[in-house]
C-alpha atoms as a PDB file:
ATOM      1  CA  MET A   1       0.000   0.000   0.000  1.00  0.00           C
ATOM      2  CA  ASN A   2       1.485   3.346  -0.978  1.00  0.00           C
ATOM      3  CA  LEU A   3       1.657   6.388   1.266  1.00  0.00           C
ATOM      4  CA  GLU A   4      -1.104   8.292  -0.485  1.00  0.00           C
ATOM      5  CA  SER A   5      -3.628   5.468  -0.290  1.00  0.00           C
ATOM      6  CA  ARG A   6      -2.916   5.019   3.438  1.00  0.00           C
ATOM      7  CA  PHE A   7      -4.109   8.545   4.115  1.00  0.00           C
ATOM      8  CA  GLU A   8      -6.662   8.940   1.322  1.00  0.00           C
ATOM      9  CA  GLY A   9      -9.674   9.417   3.614  1.00  0.00           C
ATOM     10  CA  GLU A  10      -7.896  11.880   5.892  1.00  0.00           C
ATOM     11  CA  LEU A  11      -6.621  13.852   2.894  1.00  0.00           C
ATOM     12  CA  ARG A  12     -10.108  14.033   1.391  1.00  0.00           C
ATOM     13  CA  LYS A  13     -11.549  15.317   4.698  1.00  0.00           C
ATOM     14  CA  LEU A  14      -8.770  17.891   5.081  1.00  0.00           C
ATOM     15  CA  ARG A  15      -9.248  19.159   1.524  1.00  0.00           C
ATOM     16  CA  THR A  16     -12.985  19.586   2.140  1.00  0.00           C
ATOM     17  CA  LEU A  17     -12.453  21.365   5.471  1.00  0.00           C
ATOM     18  CA  ARG A  18      -9.769  23.567   3.889  1.00  0.00           C
ATOM     19  CA  ASP A  19     -12.109  24.579   1.055  1.00  0.00           C
ATOM     20  CA  GLU A  20     -14.905  25.399   3.530  1.00  0.00           C
ATOM     21  CA  LEU A  21     -12.558  27.554   5.598  1.00  0.00           C
ATOM     22  CA  LYS A  22     -11.407  29.517   2.545  1.00  0.00           C
ATOM     23  CA  LEU A  23     -15.016  30.557   1.956  1.00  0.00           C
ATOM     24  CA  GLN A  24     -15.658  31.514   5.590  1.00  0.00           C
ATOM     25  CA  LEU A  25     -12.417  33.309   6.431  1.00  0.00           C
ATOM     26  CA  HIS A  26     -13.458  36.643   4.977  1.00  0.00           C
ATOM     27  CA  LEU A  27     -15.725  36.957   8.045  1.00  0.00           C
ATOM     28  CA  GLY A  28     -13.059  35.886  10.526  1.00  0.00           C
ATOM     29  CA  SER A  29     -10.596  37.817  12.624  1.00  0.00           C
ATOM     30  CA  SER A  30      -7.087  38.664  11.493  1.00  0.00           C
ATOM     31  CA  ASP A  31      -5.722  36.191  14.072  1.00  0.00           C
ATOM     32  CA  LEU A  32      -7.668  33.376  12.416  1.00  0.00           C
ATOM     33  CA  LYS A  33      -6.526  34.490   8.990  1.00  0.00           C
ATOM     34  CA  ASP A  34      -2.920  34.502  10.210  1.00  0.00           C
ATOM     35  CA  ARG A  35      -3.343  31.003  11.651  1.00  0.00           C
ATOM     36  CA  TYR A  36      -4.895  29.843   8.377  1.00  0.00           C
ATOM     37  CA  GLU A  37      -1.944  31.221   6.406  1.00  0.00           C
ATOM     38  CA  GLU A  38       0.432  29.387   8.750  1.00  0.00           C
ATOM     39  CA  LEU A  39      -1.478  26.154   8.155  1.00  0.00           C
ATOM     40  CA  GLU A  40      -1.494  26.806   4.409  1.00  0.00           C
ATOM     41  CA  GLY A  41       2.302  26.879   4.518  1.00  0.00           C
ATOM     42  CA  LYS A  42       2.279  23.521   6.270  1.00  0.00           C
ATOM     43  CA  TRP A  43      -0.248  22.187   3.745  1.00  0.00           C
ATOM     44  CA  HIS A  44       1.985  23.181   0.847  1.00  0.00           C
ATOM     45  CA  ALA A  45       5.004  21.684   2.621  1.00  0.00           C
ATOM     46  CA  PHE A  46       3.002  18.492   3.049  1.00  0.00           C
ATOM     47  CA  GLU A  47       2.136  18.417  -0.656  1.00  0.00           C
ATOM     48  CA  ARG A  48       5.816  18.851  -1.549  1.00  0.00           C
ATOM     49  CA  ARG A  49       6.737  16.060   0.865  1.00  0.00           C
ATOM     50  CA  VAL A  50       4.213  13.701  -0.727  1.00  0.00           C
ATOM     51  CA  ALA A  51       5.552  14.532  -4.191  1.00  0.00           C
ATOM     52  CA  ALA A  52       9.106  13.824  -3.028  1.00  0.00           C
ATOM     53  CA  ALA A  53       8.018  10.571  -1.380  1.00  0.00           C
ATOM     54  CA  ARG A  54       6.526   9.398  -4.658  1.00  0.00           C
ATOM     55  CA  GLU A  55       9.867   9.929  -6.346  1.00  0.00           C
ATOM     56  CA  VAL A  56      11.831   8.093  -3.679  1.00  0.00           C
ATOM     57  CA  ALA A  57       9.971   4.794  -3.546  1.00  0.00           C
ATOM     58  CA  ARG A  58      12.652   3.049  -1.468  1.00  0.00           C
ATOM     59  CA  GLU A  59      12.539   5.564   1.366  1.00  0.00           C
ATOM     60  CA  ASP A  60      11.817   4.239   4.840  1.00  0.00           C
ATOM     61  CA  THR A  61       8.020   4.225   4.644  1.00  0.00           C
ATOM     62  CA  GLU A  62       7.494   3.701   8.363  1.00  0.00           C
ATOM     63  CA  GLU A  63       9.297   6.955   9.196  1.00  0.00           C
ATOM     64  CA  VAL A  64       7.469   8.839   6.458  1.00  0.00           C
ATOM     65  CA  THR A  65       4.143   7.391   7.600  1.00  0.00           C
ATOM     66  CA  GLU A  66       4.669   8.523  11.194  1.00  0.00           C
ATOM     67  CA  ALA A  67       5.777  12.007  10.138  1.00  0.00           C
ATOM     68  CA  THR A  68       2.769  12.239   7.828  1.00  0.00           C
ATOM     69  CA  LYS A  69       0.384  11.247  10.623  1.00  0.00           C
ATOM     70  CA  LEU A  70       1.803  13.950  12.872  1.00  0.00           C
ATOM     71  CA  LEU A  71       1.674  16.649  10.205  1.00  0.00           C
ATOM     72  CA  LEU A  72      -1.851  15.757   9.079  1.00  0.00           C
ATOM     73  CA  GLY A  73      -2.992  15.741  12.709  1.00  0.00           C
ATOM     74  CA  GLU A  74      -1.552  19.190  13.316  1.00  0.00           C
ATOM     75  CA  ILE A  75      -3.108  20.594  10.144  1.00  0.00           C
ATOM     76  CA  ARG A  76      -6.482  18.943  10.899  1.00  0.00           C
ATOM     77  CA  ASP A  77      -6.541  20.261  14.472  1.00  0.00           C
ATOM     78  CA  GLY A  78      -5.626  23.745  13.306  1.00  0.00           C
ATOM     79  CA  TYR A  79      -8.310  23.790  10.608  1.00  0.00           C
ATOM     80  CA  ARG A  80     -10.904  22.529  13.094  1.00  0.00           C
ATOM     81  CA  HIS A  81      -9.916  25.222  15.581  1.00  0.00           C
ATOM     82  CA  ILE A  82     -10.383  27.899  12.922  1.00  0.00           C
ATOM     83  CA  ARG A  83     -13.723  26.400  11.850  1.00  0.00           C
ATOM     84  CA  ASP A  84     -14.955  26.272  15.447  1.00  0.00           C
ATOM     85  CA  SER A  85     -13.824  29.851  16.036  1.00  0.00           C
ATOM     86  CA  LEU A  86     -15.799  31.009  13.004  1.00  0.00           C
ATOM     87  CA  ARG A  87     -19.040  29.560  14.354  1.00  0.00           C
END
């Protein structure tokens, strides 16, 4: 099982939440917008990491998997915090 398929459901949920937040942020505070921009940087770093992992198929997948879990968790929690703050 490749890295992307392991996290397919989580990625789909994060993309949906991210898209919803983009639409709602115009009503939010500057602090929330700043936090969103910080998370966007992490999101783009994550996308670059996934692209690099695809190219390096022999990389230690266990280490990459654990790092991916941590990063996705941090991004998810941050997006949820912003969403909850917008309510």
